[in-house]
Amino acid sequence: MADLLLFGSGWTQRWTIGPGQEEAVRAEVLRTGRDGTGVLSVNDPNTDAEVTLAVNWSLVAVAVVLPDHPDQAGHTLAGSYA
Protein backbone atom coordinates (compact mmCIF):
# COMPACT_ATOMS: atom_id res chain seq x y z
CA MET A 1 0.00 0.00 0.00
CA ALA A 2 1.02 3.60 -0.58
CA ASP A 3 -0.20 7.08 0.29
CA LEU A 4 -1.25 9.97 -1.94
CA LEU A 5 -0.46 13.47 -0.68
CA LEU A 6 -2.08 16.45 -2.40
CA PHE A 7 -1.02 20.04 -1.76
CA GLY A 8 -2.81 23.17 -2.95
CA SER A 9 -2.95 26.82 -2.00
CA GLY A 10 -3.71 26.70 1.73
CA TRP A 11 -4.75 23.04 1.90
CA THR A 12 -3.31 19.54 2.04
CA GLN A 13 -4.83 16.06 1.93
CA ARG A 14 -3.53 12.56 2.52
CA TRP A 15 -5.22 9.42 1.21
CA THR A 16 -4.30 5.75 1.33
CA ILE A 17 -4.00 4.04 -2.04
CA GLY A 18 -5.62 0.62 -1.98
CA PRO A 19 -4.11 -2.58 -3.31
CA GLY A 20 -3.91 -2.64 -7.09
CA GLN A 21 -4.58 1.11 -7.48
CA GLU A 22 -1.06 2.54 -7.17
CA GLU A 23 -0.23 2.58 -10.89
CA ALA A 24 -3.54 4.25 -11.78
CA VAL A 25 -2.94 6.94 -9.14
CA ARG A 26 0.64 7.47 -10.33
CA ALA A 27 -0.66 8.02 -13.87
CA GLU A 28 -3.25 10.55 -12.64
CA VAL A 29 -0.78 12.65 -10.60
CA LEU A 30 1.02 13.49 -13.84
CA ARG A 31 -1.96 15.78 -14.52
CA THR A 32 -1.05 18.00 -11.54
CA GLY A 33 -1.49 21.70 -12.38
CA ARG A 34 -3.33 20.98 -15.63
CA ASP A 35 -6.97 21.60 -16.49
CA GLY A 36 -9.30 18.70 -15.95
CA THR A 37 -10.75 16.46 -13.29
CA GLY A 38 -9.54 13.02 -12.38
CA VAL A 39 -11.35 10.27 -10.51
CA LEU A 40 -9.33 8.07 -8.16
CA SER A 41 -10.18 5.05 -6.06
CA VAL A 42 -8.53 5.54 -2.65
CA ASN A 43 -9.12 4.50 0.95
CA ASP A 44 -10.13 6.79 3.78
CA PRO A 45 -7.10 6.58 6.11
CA ASN A 46 -9.30 6.77 9.22
CA THR A 47 -11.76 4.01 8.31
CA ASP A 48 -9.92 2.13 5.54
CA ALA A 49 -13.16 2.27 3.52
CA GLU A 50 -12.77 2.58 -0.24
CA VAL A 51 -13.94 5.97 -1.54
CA THR A 52 -14.06 7.74 -4.88
CA LEU A 53 -12.00 10.93 -4.94
CA ALA A 54 -12.58 13.53 -7.66
CA VAL A 55 -9.59 15.85 -8.07
CA ASN A 56 -9.56 19.19 -9.91
CA TRP A 57 -5.93 18.94 -11.02
CA SER A 58 -5.66 22.65 -11.84
CA LEU A 59 -5.97 23.39 -8.10
CA VAL A 60 -3.26 20.91 -7.07
CA ALA A 61 0.23 22.41 -6.82
CA VAL A 62 2.05 19.23 -5.76
CA ALA A 63 1.03 15.56 -5.70
CA VAL A 64 3.23 12.90 -4.12
CA VAL A 65 2.88 9.12 -3.99
CA LEU A 66 4.67 7.68 -0.96
CA PRO A 67 5.31 3.97 -1.48
CA ASP A 68 5.28 1.30 1.20
CA HIS A 69 2.55 2.70 3.41
CA PRO A 70 3.53 1.93 7.03
CA ASP A 71 1.14 0.16 9.35
CA GLN A 72 -0.36 3.03 11.35
CA ALA A 73 -2.90 1.14 13.45
CA GLY A 74 -4.47 3.50 15.95
CA HIS A 75 -3.11 6.63 14.25
CA THR A 76 -5.09 9.03 12.11
CA LEU A 77 -3.06 10.01 9.08
CA ALA A 78 -5.49 12.62 7.76
CA GLY A 79 -5.24 14.84 10.83
CA SER A 80 -1.55 15.42 10.25
CA TYR A 81 -2.17 16.89 6.82
CA ALA A 82 -5.78 18.06 6.61
C-alpha atoms as a PDB file:
ATOM      1  CA  MET A   1       0.000   0.000   0.000  1.00  0.00           C
ATOM      2  CA  ALA A   2       1.021   3.602  -0.576  1.00  0.00           C
ATOM      3  CA  ASP A   3      -0.201   7.081   0.293  1.00  0.00           C
ATOM      4  CA  LEU A   4      -1.249   9.974  -1.943  1.00  0.00           C
ATOM      5  CA  LEU A   5      -0.455  13.469  -0.681  1.00  0.00           C
ATOM      6  CA  LEU A   6      -2.082  16.445  -2.402  1.00  0.00           C
ATOM      7  CA  PHE A   7      -1.017  20.045  -1.758  1.00  0.00           C
ATOM      8  CA  GLY A   8      -2.810  23.168  -2.952  1.00  0.00           C
ATOM      9  CA  SER A   9      -2.946  26.823  -2.003  1.00  0.00           C
ATOM     10  CA  GLY A  10      -3.714  26.703   1.732  1.00  0.00           C
ATOM     11  CA  TRP A  11      -4.754  23.041   1.900  1.00  0.00           C
ATOM     12  CA  THR A  12      -3.309  19.535   2.038  1.00  0.00           C
ATOM     13  CA  GLN A  13      -4.833  16.057   1.928  1.00  0.00           C
ATOM     14  CA  ARG A  14      -3.525  12.558   2.520  1.00  0.00           C
ATOM     15  CA  TRP A  15      -5.216   9.421   1.208  1.00  0.00           C
ATOM     16  CA  THR A  16      -4.302   5.746   1.329  1.00  0.00           C
ATOM     17  CA  ILE A  17      -3.998   4.039  -2.043  1.00  0.00           C
ATOM     18  CA  GLY A  18      -5.623   0.622  -1.983  1.00  0.00           C
ATOM     19  CA  PRO A  19      -4.110  -2.575  -3.306  1.00  0.00           C
ATOM     20  CA  GLY A  20      -3.911  -2.642  -7.088  1.00  0.00           C
ATOM     21  CA  GLN A  21      -4.585   1.108  -7.478  1.00  0.00           C
ATOM     22  CA  GLU A  22      -1.063   2.536  -7.168  1.00  0.00           C
ATOM     23  CA  GLU A  23      -0.229   2.579 -10.887  1.00  0.00           C
ATOM     24  CA  ALA A  24      -3.540   4.253 -11.782  1.00  0.00           C
ATOM     25  CA  VAL A  25      -2.944   6.937  -9.140  1.00  0.00           C
ATOM     26  CA  ARG A  26       0.643   7.475 -10.330  1.00  0.00           C
ATOM     27  CA  ALA A  27      -0.661   8.018 -13.866  1.00  0.00           C
ATOM     28  CA  GLU A  28      -3.246  10.553 -12.641  1.00  0.00           C
ATOM     29  CA  VAL A  29      -0.782  12.651 -10.603  1.00  0.00           C
ATOM     30  CA  LEU A  30       1.023  13.487 -13.842  1.00  0.00           C
ATOM     31  CA  ARG A  31      -1.963  15.776 -14.521  1.00  0.00           C
ATOM     32  CA  THR A  32      -1.049  17.998 -11.538  1.00  0.00           C
ATOM     33  CA  GLY A  33      -1.494  21.698 -12.377  1.00  0.00           C
ATOM     34  CA  ARG A  34      -3.333  20.985 -15.627  1.00  0.00           C
ATOM     35  CA  ASP A  35      -6.966  21.598 -16.486  1.00  0.00           C
ATOM     36  CA  GLY A  36      -9.302  18.702 -15.947  1.00  0.00           C
ATOM     37  CA  THR A  37     -10.752  16.465 -13.290  1.00  0.00           C
ATOM     38  CA  GLY A  38      -9.539  13.018 -12.381  1.00  0.00           C
ATOM     39  CA  VAL A  39     -11.347  10.274 -10.507  1.00  0.00           C
ATOM     40  CA  LEU A  40      -9.326   8.071  -8.162  1.00  0.00           C
ATOM     41  CA  SER A  41     -10.182   5.054  -6.057  1.00  0.00           C
ATOM     42  CA  VAL A  42      -8.532   5.540  -2.649  1.00  0.00           C
ATOM     43  CA  ASN A  43      -9.120   4.497   0.953  1.00  0.00           C
ATOM     44  CA  ASP A  44     -10.127   6.794   3.782  1.00  0.00           C
ATOM     45  CA  PRO A  45      -7.098   6.584   6.110  1.00  0.00           C
ATOM     46  CA  ASN A  46      -9.301   6.774   9.221  1.00  0.00           C
ATOM     47  CA  THR A  47     -11.763   4.010   8.315  1.00  0.00           C
ATOM     48  CA  ASP A  48      -9.917   2.131   5.537  1.00  0.00           C
ATOM     49  CA  ALA A  49     -13.163   2.269   3.522  1.00  0.00           C
ATOM     50  CA  GLU A  50     -12.772   2.577  -0.243  1.00  0.00           C
ATOM     51  CA  VAL A  51     -13.941   5.967  -1.540  1.00  0.00           C
ATOM     52  CA  THR A  52     -14.062   7.739  -4.885  1.00  0.00           C
ATOM     53  CA  LEU A  53     -12.000  10.928  -4.943  1.00  0.00           C
ATOM     54  CA  ALA A  54     -12.577  13.533  -7.657  1.00  0.00           C
ATOM     55  CA  VAL A  55      -9.592  15.852  -8.073  1.00  0.00           C
ATOM     56  CA  ASN A  56      -9.555  19.188  -9.909  1.00  0.00           C
ATOM     57  CA  TRP A  57      -5.926  18.940 -11.018  1.00  0.00           C
ATOM     58  CA  SER A  58      -5.660  22.655 -11.844  1.00  0.00           C
ATOM     59  CA  LEU A  59      -5.966  23.388  -8.097  1.00  0.00           C
ATOM     60  CA  VAL A  60      -3.259  20.907  -7.072  1.00  0.00           C
ATOM     61  CA  ALA A  61       0.225  22.413  -6.818  1.00  0.00           C
ATOM     62  CA  VAL A  62       2.045  19.225  -5.763  1.00  0.00           C
ATOM     63  CA  ALA A  63       1.032  15.563  -5.703  1.00  0.00           C
ATOM     64  CA  VAL A  64       3.228  12.896  -4.119  1.00  0.00           C
ATOM     65  CA  VAL A  65       2.877   9.122  -3.994  1.00  0.00           C
ATOM     66  CA  LEU A  66       4.665   7.680  -0.959  1.00  0.00           C
ATOM     67  CA  PRO A  67       5.311   3.968  -1.482  1.00  0.00           C
ATOM     68  CA  ASP A  68       5.285   1.300   1.204  1.00  0.00           C
ATOM     69  CA  HIS A  69       2.547   2.701   3.410  1.00  0.00           C
ATOM     70  CA  PRO A  70       3.532   1.930   7.029  1.00  0.00           C
ATOM     71  CA  ASP A  71       1.140   0.156   9.355  1.00  0.00           C
ATOM     72  CA  GLN A  72      -0.360   3.031  11.352  1.00  0.00           C
ATOM     73  CA  ALA A  73      -2.900   1.138  13.455  1.00  0.00           C
ATOM     74  CA  GLY A  74      -4.465   3.500  15.951  1.00  0.00           C
ATOM     75  CA  HIS A  75      -3.109   6.627  14.253  1.00  0.00           C
ATOM     76  CA  THR A  76      -5.092   9.033  12.109  1.00  0.00           C
ATOM     77  CA  LEU A  77      -3.064  10.012   9.078  1.00  0.00           C
ATOM     78  CA  ALA A  78      -5.491  12.616   7.759  1.00  0.00           C
ATOM     79  CA  GLY A  79      -5.236  14.840  10.831  1.00  0.00           C
ATOM     80  CA  SER A  80      -1.551  15.418  10.251  1.00  0.00           C
ATOM     81  CA  TYR A  81      -2.173  16.886   6.824  1.00  0.00           C
ATOM     82  CA  ALA A  82      -5.778  18.056   6.608  1.00  0.00           C
END
